[in-house]
Amino acid sequence: MPRELTHIEWTAFHAAYLQGNTALCPSCGTAQQAVLKPLDRTVRFSCGHQLAIPENTEPLAQPRSSAR
């Protein structure tokens, strides 16, 4: 089972993720591509870290599309 994001980490991740799919990975501290897996309640980063979404979080929104 992956480590659960703290609520502070989740809030920071979610705000960045809504702007695009790049966010700071809390495990290694670098900006990474992120994939939100709401059914699994996890976030997977391109660096290989996978973290669990905390319980009792706000609804999960998808990032804005960059295509116009």
C-alpha atoms as a PDB file:
ATOM      1  CA  MET A   1       0.000   0.000   0.000  1.00  0.00           C
ATOM      2  CA  PRO A   2       1.457   3.384  -0.977  1.00  0.00           C
ATOM      3  CA  ARG A   3       2.041   6.114   1.560  1.00  0.00           C
ATOM      4  CA  GLU A   4      -0.942   8.444   1.959  1.00  0.00           C
ATOM      5  CA  LEU A   5      -0.530  12.085   1.028  1.00  0.00           C
ATOM      6  CA  THR A   6      -1.024  14.440   3.959  1.00  0.00           C
ATOM      7  CA  HIS A   7      -3.889  16.892   3.570  1.00  0.00           C
ATOM      8  CA  ILE A   8      -1.352  19.697   3.026  1.00  0.00           C
ATOM      9  CA  GLU A   9       0.423  17.666   0.308  1.00  0.00           C
ATOM     10  CA  TRP A  10      -2.943  16.793  -1.268  1.00  0.00           C
ATOM     11  CA  THR A  11      -4.052  20.443  -1.333  1.00  0.00           C
ATOM     12  CA  ALA A  12      -0.772  21.549  -2.955  1.00  0.00           C
ATOM     13  CA  PHE A  13      -0.848  18.660  -5.438  1.00  0.00           C
ATOM     14  CA  HIS A  14      -4.484  19.186  -6.383  1.00  0.00           C
ATOM     15  CA  ALA A  15      -4.046  22.930  -6.994  1.00  0.00           C
ATOM     16  CA  ALA A  16      -1.040  22.301  -9.281  1.00  0.00           C
ATOM     17  CA  TYR A  17      -2.688  19.347 -11.015  1.00  0.00           C
ATOM     18  CA  LEU A  18      -5.749  21.400 -11.948  1.00  0.00           C
ATOM     19  CA  GLN A  19      -3.455  23.720 -13.936  1.00  0.00           C
ATOM     20  CA  GLY A  20      -1.949  20.792 -15.866  1.00  0.00           C
ATOM     21  CA  ASN A  21      -0.693  17.327 -15.098  1.00  0.00           C
ATOM     22  CA  THR A  22       2.681  18.384 -13.671  1.00  0.00           C
ATOM     23  CA  ALA A  23       3.033  18.581  -9.908  1.00  0.00           C
ATOM     24  CA  LEU A  24       5.677  18.379  -7.204  1.00  0.00           C
ATOM     25  CA  CYS A  25       6.251  14.814  -6.025  1.00  0.00           C
ATOM     26  CA  PRO A  26       6.322  14.940  -2.203  1.00  0.00           C
ATOM     27  CA  SER A  27       8.557  11.865  -2.032  1.00  0.00           C
ATOM     28  CA  CYS A  28      11.468  13.212  -4.082  1.00  0.00           C
ATOM     29  CA  GLY A  29      10.681  16.940  -4.190  1.00  0.00           C
ATOM     30  CA  THR A  30      10.896  17.329  -7.976  1.00  0.00           C
ATOM     31  CA  ALA A  31       8.318  18.440 -10.541  1.00  0.00           C
ATOM     32  CA  GLN A  32       6.927  15.368 -12.284  1.00  0.00           C
ATOM     33  CA  GLN A  33       4.184  14.365 -14.671  1.00  0.00           C
ATOM     34  CA  ALA A  34       1.350  12.975 -12.562  1.00  0.00           C
ATOM     35  CA  VAL A  35      -1.513  10.611 -13.293  1.00  0.00           C
ATOM     36  CA  LEU A  36      -4.507  10.766 -11.003  1.00  0.00           C
ATOM     37  CA  LYS A  37      -6.141   7.358 -10.577  1.00  0.00           C
ATOM     38  CA  PRO A  38      -9.394   8.174  -8.743  1.00  0.00           C
ATOM     39  CA  LEU A  39     -10.767   4.618  -8.801  1.00  0.00           C
ATOM     40  CA  ASP A  40      -7.603   3.340  -7.103  1.00  0.00           C
ATOM     41  CA  ARG A  41      -7.444   6.522  -4.948  1.00  0.00           C
ATOM     42  CA  THR A  42      -3.800   6.995  -5.917  1.00  0.00           C
ATOM     43  CA  VAL A  43      -1.548   9.464  -7.693  1.00  0.00           C
ATOM     44  CA  ARG A  44       1.303   8.048  -9.782  1.00  0.00           C
ATOM     45  CA  PHE A  45       4.255  10.301 -10.629  1.00  0.00           C
ATOM     46  CA  SER A  46       6.614   9.829 -13.597  1.00  0.00           C
ATOM     47  CA  CYS A  47       9.514   9.406 -11.133  1.00  0.00           C
ATOM     48  CA  GLY A  48       7.867   6.129 -10.077  1.00  0.00           C
ATOM     49  CA  HIS A  49       6.410   7.188  -6.742  1.00  0.00           C
ATOM     50  CA  GLN A  50       2.799   6.298  -6.074  1.00  0.00           C
ATOM     51  CA  LEU A  51       0.923   7.942  -3.220  1.00  0.00           C
ATOM     52  CA  ALA A  52      -2.557   7.324  -1.839  1.00  0.00           C
ATOM     53  CA  ILE A  53      -5.184  10.066  -1.900  1.00  0.00           C
ATOM     54  CA  PRO A  54      -6.241  10.942   1.657  1.00  0.00           C
ATOM     55  CA  GLU A  55      -9.670   9.906   2.876  1.00  0.00           C
ATOM     56  CA  ASN A  56     -12.402  12.565   3.082  1.00  0.00           C
ATOM     57  CA  THR A  57     -11.007  14.746   0.290  1.00  0.00           C
ATOM     58  CA  GLU A  58     -12.954  17.081  -1.964  1.00  0.00           C
ATOM     59  CA  PRO A  59     -14.263  15.684  -5.279  1.00  0.00           C
ATOM     60  CA  LEU A  60     -11.508  14.967  -7.766  1.00  0.00           C
ATOM     61  CA  ALA A  61     -11.453  17.290 -10.752  1.00  0.00           C
ATOM     62  CA  GLN A  62      -9.494  16.673 -13.915  1.00  0.00           C
ATOM     63  CA  PRO A  63      -6.836  19.114 -15.202  1.00  0.00           C
ATOM     64  CA  ARG A  64      -7.695  21.699 -17.823  1.00  0.00           C
ATOM     65  CA  SER A  65      -7.074  20.608 -21.385  1.00  0.00           C
ATOM     66  CA  SER A  66      -4.203  22.472 -23.032  1.00  0.00           C
ATOM     67  CA  ALA A  67      -5.769  22.016 -26.504  1.00  0.00           C
ATOM     68  CA  ARG A  68      -7.790  24.938 -27.812  1.00  0.00           C
END
